[in-house]
PDB file of N, CA and C in Angstrom:
ATOM      1  N   MET A   1     -86.397  73.368 -58.456  1.00  0.00           N
ATOM      2  CA  MET A   1     -85.005  73.258 -58.078  1.00  0.00           C
ATOM      3  C   MET A   1     -84.838  72.270 -56.920  1.00  0.00           C
ATOM      4  N   LEU A   2     -85.668  72.371 -55.901  1.00  0.00           N
ATOM      5  CA  LEU A   2     -85.586  71.459 -54.762  1.00  0.00           C
ATOM      6  C   LEU A   2     -85.876  70.027 -55.199  1.00  0.00           C
ATOM      7  N   GLU A   3     -86.808  69.856 -56.126  1.00  0.00           N
ATOM      8  CA  GLU A   3     -87.139  68.522 -56.623  1.00  0.00           C
ATOM      9  C   GLU A   3     -85.931  67.887 -57.318  1.00  0.00           C
ATOM     10  N   MET A   4     -85.219  68.666 -58.118  1.00  0.00           N
ATOM     11  CA  MET A   4     -84.032  68.154 -58.809  1.00  0.00           C
ATOM     12  C   MET A   4     -82.937  67.814 -57.796  1.00  0.00           C
ATOM     13  N   TYR A   5     -82.727  68.681 -56.813  1.00  0.00           N
ATOM     14  CA  TYR A   5     -81.739  68.427 -55.769  1.00  0.00           C
ATOM     15  C   TYR A   5     -82.043  67.104 -55.062  1.00  0.00           C
ATOM     16  N   ASN A   6     -83.308  66.919 -54.659  1.00  0.00           N
ATOM     17  CA  ASN A   6     -83.704  65.697 -53.962  1.00  0.00           C
ATOM     18  C   ASN A   6     -83.516  64.464 -54.836  1.00  0.00           C
ATOM     19  N   GLU A   7     -83.769  64.592 -56.136  1.00  0.00           N
ATOM     20  CA  GLU A   7     -83.570  63.472 -57.057  1.00  0.00           C
ATOM     21  C   GLU A   7     -82.095  63.055 -57.096  1.00  0.00           C
ATOM     22  N   TYR A   8     -81.187  64.035 -57.165  1.00  0.00           N
ATOM     23  CA  TYR A   8     -79.765  63.709 -57.192  1.00  0.00           C
ATOM     24  C   TYR A   8     -79.277  63.147 -55.862  1.00  0.00           C
ATOM     25  N   VAL A   9     -79.815  63.622 -54.765  1.00  0.00           N
ATOM     26  CA  VAL A   9     -79.469  63.058 -53.458  1.00  0.00           C
ATOM     27  C   VAL A   9     -79.910  61.595 -53.399  1.00  0.00           C
ATOM     28  N   GLU A  10     -81.090  61.304 -53.924  1.00  0.00           N
ATOM     29  CA  GLU A  10     -81.592  59.931 -53.933  1.00  0.00           C
ATOM     30  C   GLU A  10     -80.747  59.050 -54.857  1.00  0.00           C
ATOM     31  N   ARG A  11     -80.384  59.575 -56.030  1.00  0.00           N
ATOM     32  CA  ARG A  11     -79.530  58.809 -56.944  1.00  0.00           C
ATOM     33  C   ARG A  11     -78.181  58.520 -56.302  1.00  0.00           C
ATOM     34  N   ARG A  12     -77.607  59.536 -55.639  1.00  0.00           N
ATOM     35  CA  ARG A  12     -76.313  59.358 -54.978  1.00  0.00           C
ATOM     36  C   ARG A  12     -76.404  58.262 -53.930  1.00  0.00           C
ATOM     37  N   LYS A  13     -77.434  58.317 -53.098  1.00  0.00           N
ATOM     38  CA  LYS A  13     -77.602  57.304 -52.057  1.00  0.00           C
ATOM     39  C   LYS A  13     -77.765  55.916 -52.672  1.00  0.00           C
ATOM     40  N   TYR A  14     -78.560  55.817 -53.728  1.00  0.00           N
ATOM     41  CA  TYR A  14     -78.797  54.530 -54.383  1.00  0.00           C
ATOM     42  C   TYR A  14     -77.490  53.958 -54.935  1.00  0.00           C
ATOM     43  N   LEU A  15     -76.701  54.793 -55.625  1.00  0.00           N
ATOM     44  CA  LEU A  15     -75.450  54.333 -56.216  1.00  0.00           C
ATOM     45  C   LEU A  15     -74.443  53.946 -55.143  1.00  0.00           C
ATOM     46  N   ILE A  16     -74.251  54.794 -54.143  1.00  0.00           N
ATOM     47  CA  ILE A  16     -73.270  54.514 -53.092  1.00  0.00           C
ATOM     48  C   ILE A  16     -73.641  53.244 -52.339  1.00  0.00           C
ATOM     49  N   ASP A  17     -74.908  53.101 -51.973  1.00  0.00           N
ATOM     50  CA  ASP A  17     -75.348  51.883 -51.281  1.00  0.00           C
ATOM     51  C   ASP A  17     -75.115  50.650 -52.154  1.00  0.00           C
ATOM     52  N   GLY A  18     -75.443  50.765 -53.437  1.00  0.00           N
ATOM     53  CA  GLY A  18     -75.260  49.647 -54.358  1.00  0.00           C
ATOM     54  C   GLY A  18     -73.804  49.287 -54.549  1.00  0.00           C
ATOM     55  N   LEU A  19     -72.942  50.278 -54.694  1.00  0.00           N
ATOM     56  CA  LEU A  19     -71.508  50.013 -54.840  1.00  0.00           C
ATOM     57  C   LEU A  19     -70.957  49.320 -53.600  1.00  0.00           C
ATOM     58  N   ASN A  20     -71.317  49.816 -52.435  1.00  0.00           N
ATOM     59  CA  ASN A  20     -70.770  49.259 -51.201  1.00  0.00           C
ATOM     60  C   ASN A  20     -71.300  47.859 -50.883  1.00  0.00           C
ATOM     61  N   ARG A  21     -72.333  47.424 -51.572  1.00  0.00           N
ATOM     62  CA  ARG A  21     -72.821  46.048 -51.413  1.00  0.00           C
ATOM     63  C   ARG A  21     -72.049  45.060 -52.287  1.00  0.00           C
ATOM     64  N   ILE A  22     -71.322  45.537 -53.277  1.00  0.00           N
ATOM     65  CA  ILE A  22     -70.539  44.652 -54.149  1.00  0.00           C
ATOM     66  C   ILE A  22     -69.270  44.248 -53.397  1.00  0.00           C
ATOM     67  N   PRO A  23     -68.962  42.954 -53.310  1.00  0.00           N
ATOM     68  CA  PRO A  23     -67.767  42.505 -52.587  1.00  0.00           C
ATOM     69  C   PRO A  23     -66.491  43.197 -53.080  1.00  0.00           C
ATOM     70  N   GLY A  24     -65.741  43.765 -52.139  1.00  0.00           N
ATOM     71  CA  GLY A  24     -64.470  44.396 -52.443  1.00  0.00           C
ATOM     72  C   GLY A  24     -64.557  45.837 -52.908  1.00  0.00           C
ATOM     73  N   VAL A  25     -65.759  46.379 -53.065  1.00  0.00           N
ATOM     74  CA  VAL A  25     -65.927  47.753 -53.553  1.00  0.00           C
ATOM     75  C   VAL A  25     -66.213  48.672 -52.377  1.00  0.00           C
ATOM     76  N   TYR A  26     -65.594  49.868 -52.414  1.00  0.00           N
ATOM     77  CA  TYR A  26     -65.881  50.866 -51.390  1.00  0.00           C
ATOM     78  C   TYR A  26     -65.992  52.230 -52.044  1.00  0.00           C
ATOM     79  N   SER A  27     -67.039  52.959 -51.689  1.00  0.00           N
ATOM     80  CA  SER A  27     -67.210  54.336 -52.139  1.00  0.00           C
ATOM     81  C   SER A  27     -67.748  55.170 -50.986  1.00  0.00           C
ATOM     82  N   PRO A  28     -67.023  56.231 -50.621  1.00  0.00           N
ATOM     83  CA  PRO A  28     -67.549  57.146 -49.597  1.00  0.00           C
ATOM     84  C   PRO A  28     -68.654  58.009 -50.214  1.00  0.00           C
ATOM     85  N   ILE A  29     -69.398  58.685 -49.389  1.00  0.00           N
ATOM     86  CA  ILE A  29     -70.453  59.577 -49.876  1.00  0.00           C
ATOM     87  C   ILE A  29     -69.806  60.882 -50.344  1.00  0.00           C
ATOM     88  N   PRO A  30     -69.936  61.203 -51.638  1.00  0.00           N
ATOM     89  CA  PRO A  30     -69.367  62.461 -52.119  1.00  0.00           C
ATOM     90  C   PRO A  30     -70.195  63.644 -51.630  1.00  0.00           C
ATOM     91  N   MET A  31     -69.547  64.751 -51.472  1.00  0.00           N
ATOM     92  CA  MET A  31     -70.234  65.947 -51.007  1.00  0.00           C
ATOM     93  C   MET A  31     -70.293  66.968 -52.147  1.00  0.00           C
ATOM     94  N   GLY A  32     -71.466  67.198 -52.681  1.00  0.00           N
ATOM     95  CA  GLY A  32     -71.660  68.254 -53.651  1.00  0.00           C
ATOM     96  C   GLY A  32     -71.253  67.950 -55.076  1.00  0.00           C
ATOM     97  N   ALA A  33     -71.061  66.704 -55.428  1.00  0.00           N
ATOM     98  CA  ALA A  33     -70.656  66.355 -56.786  1.00  0.00           C
ATOM     99  C   ALA A  33     -71.738  65.500 -57.451  1.00  0.00           C
ATOM    100  N   PHE A  34     -71.581  65.302 -58.752  1.00  0.00           N
ATOM    101  CA  PHE A  34     -72.491  64.430 -59.495  1.00  0.00           C
ATOM    102  C   PHE A  34     -71.800  63.119 -59.840  1.00  0.00           C
ATOM    103  N   TYR A  35     -70.753  62.818 -59.119  1.00  0.00           N
ATOM    104  CA  TYR A  35     -70.001  61.587 -59.347  1.00  0.00           C
ATOM    105  C   TYR A  35     -69.426  61.120 -58.018  1.00  0.00           C
ATOM    106  N   THR A  36     -68.984  59.881 -58.016  1.00  0.00           N
ATOM    107  CA  THR A  36     -68.286  59.345 -56.862  1.00  0.00           C
ATOM    108  C   THR A  36     -67.025  58.660 -57.346  1.00  0.00           C
ATOM    109  N   VAL A  37     -66.070  58.503 -56.453  1.00  0.00           N
ATOM    110  CA  VAL A  37     -64.872  57.725 -56.724  1.00  0.00           C
ATOM    111  C   VAL A  37     -64.972  56.473 -55.886  1.00  0.00           C
ATOM    112  N   ALA A  38     -64.883  55.326 -56.555  1.00  0.00           N
ATOM    113  CA  ALA A  38     -65.030  54.049 -55.869  1.00  0.00           C
ATOM    114  C   ALA A  38     -63.753  53.226 -56.001  1.00  0.00           C
ATOM    115  N   LYS A  39     -63.347  52.604 -54.892  1.00  0.00           N
ATOM    116  CA  LYS A  39     -62.230  51.654 -54.927  1.00  0.00           C
ATOM    117  C   LYS A  39     -62.792  50.307 -55.344  1.00  0.00           C
ATOM    118  N   LEU A  40     -62.123  49.690 -56.308  1.00  0.00           N
ATOM    119  CA  LEU A  40     -62.557  48.396 -56.822  1.00  0.00           C
ATOM    120  C   LEU A  40     -61.495  47.341 -56.538  1.00  0.00           C
ATOM    121  N   PRO A  41     -61.897  46.086 -56.430  1.00  0.00           N
ATOM    122  CA  PRO A  41     -60.924  45.017 -56.223  1.00  0.00           C
ATOM    123  C   PRO A  41     -60.287  44.601 -57.557  1.00  0.00           C
ATOM    124  N   VAL A  42     -59.558  45.539 -58.167  1.00  0.00           N
ATOM    125  CA  VAL A  42     -58.916  45.282 -59.459  1.00  0.00           C
ATOM    126  C   VAL A  42     -57.435  45.633 -59.371  1.00  0.00           C
ATOM    127  N   ASP A  43     -56.641  44.985 -60.206  1.00  0.00           N
ATOM    128  CA  ASP A  43     -55.205  45.237 -60.228  1.00  0.00           C
ATOM    129  C   ASP A  43     -54.863  46.574 -60.871  1.00  0.00           C
ATOM    130  N   ASP A  44     -55.700  47.034 -61.809  1.00  0.00           N
ATOM    131  CA  ASP A  44     -55.422  48.265 -62.530  1.00  0.00           C
ATOM    132  C   ASP A  44     -56.734  48.797 -63.113  1.00  0.00           C
ATOM    133  N   ALA A  45     -57.214  49.915 -62.606  1.00  0.00           N
ATOM    134  CA  ALA A  45     -58.502  50.458 -63.043  1.00  0.00           C
ATOM    135  C   ALA A  45     -58.471  50.899 -64.509  1.00  0.00           C
ATOM    136  N   ASP A  46     -57.328  51.375 -64.989  1.00  0.00           N
ATOM    137  CA  ASP A  46     -57.230  51.747 -66.403  1.00  0.00           C
ATOM    138  C   ASP A  46     -57.506  50.526 -67.281  1.00  0.00           C
ATOM    139  N   LYS A  47     -56.859  49.416 -66.952  1.00  0.00           N
ATOM    140  CA  LYS A  47     -57.054  48.178 -67.719  1.00  0.00           C
ATOM    141  C   LYS A  47     -58.482  47.657 -67.562  1.00  0.00           C
ATOM    142  N   PHE A  48     -59.012  47.728 -66.351  1.00  0.00           N
ATOM    143  CA  PHE A  48     -60.364  47.236 -66.106  1.00  0.00           C
ATOM    144  C   PHE A  48     -61.385  48.024 -66.921  1.00  0.00           C
ATOM    145  N   CYS A  49     -61.281  49.350 -66.909  1.00  0.00           N
ATOM    146  CA  CYS A  49     -62.231  50.184 -67.662  1.00  0.00           C
ATOM    147  C   CYS A  49     -62.147  49.890 -69.158  1.00  0.00           C
ATOM    148  N   ALA A  50     -60.945  49.727 -69.677  1.00  0.00           N
ATOM    149  CA  ALA A  50     -60.775  49.405 -71.099  1.00  0.00           C
ATOM    150  C   ALA A  50     -61.332  48.023 -71.396  1.00  0.00           C
ATOM    151  N   TRP A  51     -61.082  47.068 -70.501  1.00  0.00           N
ATOM    152  CA  TRP A  51     -61.574  45.691 -70.662  1.00  0.00           C
ATOM    153  C   TRP A  51     -63.102  45.664 -70.695  1.00  0.00           C
ATOM    154  N   LEU A  52     -63.736  46.437 -69.812  1.00  0.00           N
ATOM    155  CA  LEU A  52     -65.198  46.491 -69.802  1.00  0.00           C
ATOM    156  C   LEU A  52     -65.750  46.916 -71.162  1.00  0.00           C
ATOM    157  N   LEU A  53     -65.105  47.891 -71.780  1.00  0.00           N
ATOM    158  CA  LEU A  53     -65.598  48.425 -73.047  1.00  0.00           C
ATOM    159  C   LEU A  53     -65.253  47.543 -74.246  1.00  0.00           C
ATOM    160  N   SER A  54     -64.114  46.870 -74.195  1.00  0.00           N
ATOM    161  CA  SER A  54     -63.687  46.118 -75.373  1.00  0.00           C
ATOM    162  C   SER A  54     -63.979  44.622 -75.301  1.00  0.00           C
ATOM    163  N   ASP A  55     -63.984  44.039 -74.103  1.00  0.00           N
ATOM    164  CA  ASP A  55     -64.056  42.585 -73.992  1.00  0.00           C
ATOM    165  C   ASP A  55     -65.205  42.043 -73.155  1.00  0.00           C
ATOM    166  N   PHE A  56     -66.045  42.898 -72.589  1.00  0.00           N
ATOM    167  CA  PHE A  56     -67.074  42.401 -71.677  1.00  0.00           C
ATOM    168  C   PHE A  56     -68.428  43.016 -71.976  1.00  0.00           C
ATOM    169  N   ASP A  57     -69.436  42.176 -71.855  1.00  0.00           N
ATOM    170  CA  ASP A  57     -70.811  42.679 -71.796  1.00  0.00           C
ATOM    171  C   ASP A  57     -71.632  41.686 -70.996  1.00  0.00           C
ATOM    172  N   TYR A  58     -72.686  42.178 -70.399  1.00  0.00           N
ATOM    173  CA  TYR A  58     -73.635  41.344 -69.691  1.00  0.00           C
ATOM    174  C   TYR A  58     -75.008  41.672 -70.262  1.00  0.00           C
ATOM    175  N   GLU A  59     -75.610  40.685 -70.878  1.00  0.00           N
ATOM    176  CA  GLU A  59     -76.904  40.868 -71.540  1.00  0.00           C
ATOM    177  C   GLU A  59     -76.858  42.046 -72.525  1.00  0.00           C
ATOM    178  N   GLY A  60     -75.735  42.129 -73.251  1.00  0.00           N
ATOM    179  CA  GLY A  60     -75.583  43.149 -74.284  1.00  0.00           C
ATOM    180  C   GLY A  60     -75.241  44.536 -73.770  1.00  0.00           C
ATOM    181  N   GLN A  61     -74.940  44.669 -72.479  1.00  0.00           N
ATOM    182  CA  GLN A  61     -74.639  45.985 -71.910  1.00  0.00           C
ATOM    183  C   GLN A  61     -73.295  45.960 -71.196  1.00  0.00           C
ATOM    184  N   THR A  62     -72.688  47.127 -71.113  1.00  0.00           N
ATOM    185  CA  THR A  62     -71.468  47.284 -70.332  1.00  0.00           C
ATOM    186  C   THR A  62     -71.549  48.617 -69.586  1.00  0.00           C
ATOM    187  N   VAL A  63     -70.484  48.951 -68.889  1.00  0.00           N
ATOM    188  CA  VAL A  63     -70.454  50.168 -68.084  1.00  0.00           C
ATOM    189  C   VAL A  63     -69.231  50.982 -68.487  1.00  0.00           C
ATOM    190  N   MET A  64     -69.423  52.275 -68.651  1.00  0.00           N
ATOM    191  CA  MET A  64     -68.310  53.169 -68.969  1.00  0.00           C
ATOM    192  C   MET A  64     -67.998  54.015 -67.744  1.00  0.00           C
ATOM    193  N   MET A  65     -66.750  53.943 -67.307  1.00  0.00           N
ATOM    194  CA  MET A  65     -66.290  54.695 -66.143  1.00  0.00           C
ATOM    195  C   MET A  65     -64.947  55.323 -66.484  1.00  0.00           C
ATOM    196  N   ALA A  66     -64.535  56.293 -65.701  1.00  0.00           N
ATOM    197  CA  ALA A  66     -63.224  56.917 -65.889  1.00  0.00           C
ATOM    198  C   ALA A  66     -62.277  56.391 -64.819  1.00  0.00           C
ATOM    199  N   PRO A  67     -61.116  55.887 -65.207  1.00  0.00           N
ATOM    200  CA  PRO A  67     -60.122  55.518 -64.196  1.00  0.00           C
ATOM    201  C   PRO A  67     -59.760  56.768 -63.389  1.00  0.00           C
ATOM    202  N   ALA A  68     -59.630  56.622 -62.090  1.00  0.00           N
ATOM    203  CA  ALA A  68     -59.385  57.795 -61.239  1.00  0.00           C
ATOM    204  C   ALA A  68     -57.921  58.201 -61.179  1.00  0.00           C
ATOM    205  N   SER A  69     -57.022  57.393 -61.674  1.00  0.00           N
ATOM    206  CA  SER A  69     -55.596  57.722 -61.578  1.00  0.00           C
ATOM    207  C   SER A  69     -55.278  59.065 -62.231  1.00  0.00           C
ATOM    208  N   GLY A  70     -55.999  59.421 -63.277  1.00  0.00           N
ATOM    209  CA  GLY A  70     -55.776  60.689 -63.961  1.00  0.00           C
ATOM    210  C   GLY A  70     -56.206  61.915 -63.170  1.00  0.00           C
ATOM    211  N   PHE A  71     -56.915  61.705 -62.072  1.00  0.00           N
ATOM    212  CA  PHE A  71     -57.377  62.817 -61.247  1.00  0.00           C
ATOM    213  C   PHE A  71     -56.420  63.116 -60.087  1.00  0.00           C
ATOM    214  N   TYR A  72     -55.333  62.336 -59.984  1.00  0.00           N
ATOM    215  CA  TYR A  72     -54.344  62.528 -58.927  1.00  0.00           C
ATOM    216  C   TYR A  72     -53.020  62.970 -59.540  1.00  0.00           C
ATOM    217  N   THR A  73     -52.224  63.725 -58.791  1.00  0.00           N
ATOM    218  CA  THR A  73     -50.904  64.119 -59.270  1.00  0.00           C
ATOM    219  C   THR A  73     -49.813  63.157 -58.798  1.00  0.00           C
ATOM    220  N   THR A  74     -50.074  62.414 -57.733  1.00  0.00           N
ATOM    221  CA  THR A  74     -49.103  61.463 -57.206  1.00  0.00           C
ATOM    222  C   THR A  74     -49.219  60.141 -57.966  1.00  0.00           C
ATOM    223  N   PRO A  75     -48.110  59.649 -58.505  1.00  0.00           N
ATOM    224  CA  PRO A  75     -48.155  58.371 -59.232  1.00  0.00           C
ATOM    225  C   PRO A  75     -48.672  57.239 -58.346  1.00  0.00           C
ATOM    226  N   ASP A  76     -49.396  56.321 -58.948  1.00  0.00           N
ATOM    227  CA  ASP A  76     -49.948  55.110 -58.320  1.00  0.00           C
ATOM    228  C   ASP A  76     -51.121  55.352 -57.383  1.00  0.00           C
ATOM    229  N   ILE A  77     -51.454  56.605 -57.078  1.00  0.00           N
ATOM    230  CA  ILE A  77     -52.666  56.841 -56.293  1.00  0.00           C
ATOM    231  C   ILE A  77     -53.850  56.747 -57.252  1.00  0.00           C
ATOM    232  N   GLY A  78     -54.877  56.082 -56.829  1.00  0.00           N
ATOM    233  CA  GLY A  78     -56.058  55.909 -57.670  1.00  0.00           C
ATOM    234  C   GLY A  78     -55.947  54.756 -58.642  1.00  0.00           C
ATOM    235  N   ARG A  79     -54.913  53.955 -58.506  1.00  0.00           N
ATOM    236  CA  ARG A  79     -54.674  52.839 -59.438  1.00  0.00           C
ATOM    237  C   ARG A  79     -55.834  51.839 -59.452  1.00  0.00           C
ATOM    238  N   ASN A  80     -56.533  51.703 -58.330  1.00  0.00           N
ATOM    239  CA  ASN A  80     -57.661  50.768 -58.269  1.00  0.00           C
ATOM    240  C   ASN A  80     -58.983  51.512 -58.036  1.00  0.00           C
ATOM    241  N   GLU A  81     -59.039  52.766 -58.490  1.00  0.00           N
ATOM    242  CA  GLU A  81     -60.241  53.577 -58.296  1.00  0.00           C
ATOM    243  C   GLU A  81     -60.816  54.034 -59.632  1.00  0.00           C
ATOM    244  N   VAL A  82     -62.139  54.205 -59.630  1.00  0.00           N
ATOM    245  CA  VAL A  82     -62.836  54.705 -60.822  1.00  0.00           C
ATOM    246  C   VAL A  82     -63.758  55.843 -60.417  1.00  0.00           C
ATOM    247  N   ARG A  83     -64.034  56.683 -61.382  1.00  0.00           N
ATOM    248  CA  ARG A  83     -64.978  57.784 -61.184  1.00  0.00           C
ATOM    249  C   ARG A  83     -66.264  57.412 -61.908  1.00  0.00           C
ATOM    250  N   ILE A  84     -67.376  57.440 -61.177  1.00  0.00           N
ATOM    251  CA  ILE A  84     -68.677  57.060 -61.725  1.00  0.00           C
ATOM    252  C   ILE A  84     -69.658  58.207 -61.515  1.00  0.00           C
ATOM    253  N   ALA A  85     -70.262  58.656 -62.589  1.00  0.00           N
ATOM    254  CA  ALA A  85     -71.267  59.717 -62.504  1.00  0.00           C
ATOM    255  C   ALA A  85     -72.626  59.105 -62.187  1.00  0.00           C
ATOM    256  N   TYR A  86     -73.438  59.849 -61.451  1.00  0.00           N
ATOM    257  CA  TYR A  86     -74.798  59.365 -61.178  1.00  0.00           C
ATOM    258  C   TYR A  86     -75.825  60.308 -61.769  1.00  0.00           C
ATOM    259  N   VAL A  87     -75.611  60.625 -63.027  1.00  0.00           N
ATOM    260  CA  VAL A  87     -76.536  61.481 -63.750  1.00  0.00           C
ATOM    261  C   VAL A  87     -77.674  60.671 -64.381  1.00  0.00           C
ATOM    262  N   LEU A  88     -77.544  59.348 -64.370  1.00  0.00           N
ATOM    263  CA  LEU A  88     -78.588  58.482 -64.914  1.00  0.00           C
ATOM    264  C   LEU A  88     -79.742  58.336 -63.930  1.00  0.00           C
ATOM    265  N   GLU A  89     -80.900  57.984 -64.440  1.00  0.00           N
ATOM    266  CA  GLU A  89     -82.036  57.702 -63.566  1.00  0.00           C
ATOM    267  C   GLU A  89     -81.774  56.418 -62.796  1.00  0.00           C
ATOM    268  N   LYS A  90     -82.477  56.240 -61.693  1.00  0.00           N
ATOM    269  CA  LYS A  90     -82.222  55.105 -60.804  1.00  0.00           C
ATOM    270  C   LYS A  90     -82.335  53.755 -61.506  1.00  0.00           C
ATOM    271  N   GLU A  91     -83.263  53.597 -62.425  1.00  0.00           N
ATOM    272  CA  GLU A  91     -83.406  52.309 -63.125  1.00  0.00           C
ATOM    273  C   GLU A  91     -82.147  52.006 -63.937  1.00  0.00           C
ATOM    274  N   ALA A  92     -81.569  53.006 -64.566  1.00  0.00           N
ATOM    275  CA  ALA A  92     -80.332  52.816 -65.320  1.00  0.00           C
ATOM    276  C   ALA A  92     -79.159  52.556 -64.373  1.00  0.00           C
ATOM    277  N   LEU A  93     -79.135  53.226 -63.222  1.00  0.00           N
ATOM    278  CA  LEU A  93     -78.097  52.972 -62.222  1.00  0.00           C
ATOM    279  C   LEU A  93     -78.188  51.535 -61.716  1.00  0.00           C
ATOM    280  N   LYS A  94     -79.404  51.048 -61.539  1.00  0.00           N
ATOM    281  CA  LYS A  94     -79.609  49.668 -61.085  1.00  0.00           C
ATOM    282  C   LYS A  94     -78.984  48.691 -62.076  1.00  0.00           C
ATOM    283  N   LYS A  95     -79.243  48.893 -63.359  1.00  0.00           N
ATOM    284  CA  LYS A  95     -78.670  48.027 -64.400  1.00  0.00           C
ATOM    285  C   LYS A  95     -77.149  48.151 -64.414  1.00  0.00           C
ATOM    286  N   ALA A  96     -76.637  49.372 -64.270  1.00  0.00           N
ATOM    287  CA  ALA A  96     -75.191  49.594 -64.282  1.00  0.00           C
ATOM    288  C   ALA A  96     -74.510  48.874 -63.126  1.00  0.00           C
ATOM    289  N   LEU A  97     -75.126  48.880 -61.955  1.00  0.00           N
ATOM    290  CA  LEU A  97     -74.553  48.188 -60.800  1.00  0.00           C
ATOM    291  C   LEU A  97     -74.493  46.682 -61.036  1.00  0.00           C
ATOM    292  N   ILE A  98     -75.533  46.131 -61.653  1.00  0.00           N
ATOM    293  CA  ILE A  98     -75.537  44.689 -61.967  1.00  0.00           C
ATOM    294  C   ILE A  98     -74.424  44.372 -62.952  1.00  0.00           C
ATOM    295  N   VAL A  99     -74.314  45.171 -64.010  1.00  0.00           N
ATOM    296  CA  VAL A  99     -73.280  44.937 -65.019  1.00  0.00           C
ATOM    297  C   VAL A  99     -71.893  45.083 -64.402  1.00  0.00           C
ATOM    298  N   LEU A 100     -71.692  46.086 -63.549  1.00  0.00           N
ATOM    299  CA  LEU A 100     -70.403  46.272 -62.890  1.00  0.00           C
ATOM    300  C   LEU A 100     -70.053  45.060 -62.034  1.00  0.00           C
ATOM    301  N   GLU A 101     -70.996  44.587 -61.249  1.00  0.00           N
ATOM    302  CA  GLU A 101     -70.718  43.426 -60.404  1.00  0.00           C
ATOM    303  C   GLU A 101     -70.381  42.202 -61.238  1.00  0.00           C
ATOM    304  N   LYS A 102     -71.124  41.970 -62.318  1.00  0.00           N
ATOM    305  CA  LYS A 102     -70.844  40.834 -63.213  1.00  0.00           C
ATOM    306  C   LYS A 102     -69.473  41.001 -63.864  1.00  0.00           C
ATOM    307  N   GLY A 103     -69.144  42.246 -64.236  1.00  0.00           N
ATOM    308  CA  GLY A 103     -67.838  42.517 -64.828  1.00  0.00           C
ATOM    309  C   GLY A 103     -66.709  42.249 -63.850  1.00  0.00           C
ATOM    310  N   LEU A 104     -66.870  42.671 -62.615  1.00  0.00           N
ATOM    311  CA  LEU A 104     -65.855  42.400 -61.598  1.00  0.00           C
ATOM    312  C   LEU A 104     -65.685  40.903 -61.378  1.00  0.00           C
ATOM    313  N   ASP A 105     -66.786  40.168 -61.377  1.00  0.00           N
ATOM    314  CA  ASP A 105     -66.705  38.704 -61.210  1.00  0.00           C
ATOM    315  C   ASP A 105     -65.921  38.058 -62.337  1.00  0.00           C
ATOM    316  N   ALA A 106     -66.057  38.574 -63.553  1.00  0.00           N
ATOM    317  CA  ALA A 106     -65.430  37.976 -64.724  1.00  0.00           C
ATOM    318  C   ALA A 106     -64.012  38.500 -64.982  1.00  0.00           C
ATOM    319  N   TYR A 107     -63.646  39.622 -64.422  1.00  0.00           N
ATOM    320  CA  TYR A 107     -62.374  40.273 -64.740  1.00  0.00           C
ATOM    321  C   TYR A 107     -61.181  39.437 -64.239  1.00  0.00           C
ATOM    322  N   PRO A 108     -60.252  39.099 -65.132  1.00  0.00           N
ATOM    323  CA  PRO A 108     -59.094  38.295 -64.724  1.00  0.00           C
ATOM    324  C   PRO A 108     -58.202  38.960 -63.686  1.00  0.00           C
ATOM    325  N   GLY A 109     -58.210  40.282 -63.595  1.00  0.00           N
ATOM    326  CA  GLY A 109     -57.385  40.994 -62.636  1.00  0.00           C
ATOM    327  C   GLY A 109     -58.095  41.354 -61.351  1.00  0.00           C
ATOM    328  N   ASN A 110     -59.190  40.633 -61.020  1.00  0.00           N
ATOM    329  CA  ASN A 110     -59.917  40.873 -59.770  1.00  0.00           C
ATOM    330  C   ASN A 110     -59.017  40.422 -58.614  1.00  0.00           C
ATOM    331  N   THR A 111     -58.666  41.328 -57.720  1.00  0.00           N
ATOM    332  CA  THR A 111     -57.726  41.028 -56.638  1.00  0.00           C
ATOM    333  C   THR A 111     -58.338  40.179 -55.524  1.00  0.00           C
ATOM    334  N   LEU A 112     -59.642  40.029 -55.499  1.00  0.00           N
ATOM    335  CA  LEU A 112     -60.267  39.141 -54.501  1.00  0.00           C
ATOM    336  C   LEU A 112     -60.089  37.681 -54.875  1.00  0.00           C
ATOM    337  N   LYS A 113     -59.806  37.418 -56.138  1.00  0.00           N
ATOM    338  CA  LYS A 113     -59.674  36.043 -56.631  1.00  0.00           C
ATOM    339  C   LYS A 113     -58.241  35.522 -56.566  1.00  0.00           C
ATOM    340  N   LYS A 114     -57.325  36.340 -56.114  1.00  0.00           N
ATOM    341  CA  LYS A 114     -55.903  35.918 -56.088  1.00  0.00           C
ATOM    342  C   LYS A 114     -55.521  35.328 -54.771  1.00  0.00           C
TER     343      LYS A 114
END
């Protein structure tokens, strides 16, 4: 049990550190969850998540995330946020972070490019 706990703590740290190194991305350290909510430099996270799945790949891979707007009751809160689970092993998280960064660079609605 302690080994599994430590593995998830390490995955969380790896993902959060990796997200916060991507320009324009911010994710606080979640407490007690298997996911994090990250702010992205995008005009609309719903559109970005759909775009990643339908129109983007990097080396044949993409990233599936949940737009965070559905987790809030107040309209427009979470519009540029996504929910990302860290249930994958660190090597898969590493690939996901690369694909996410490449996707953000290519996304037409990246707010850092405006």
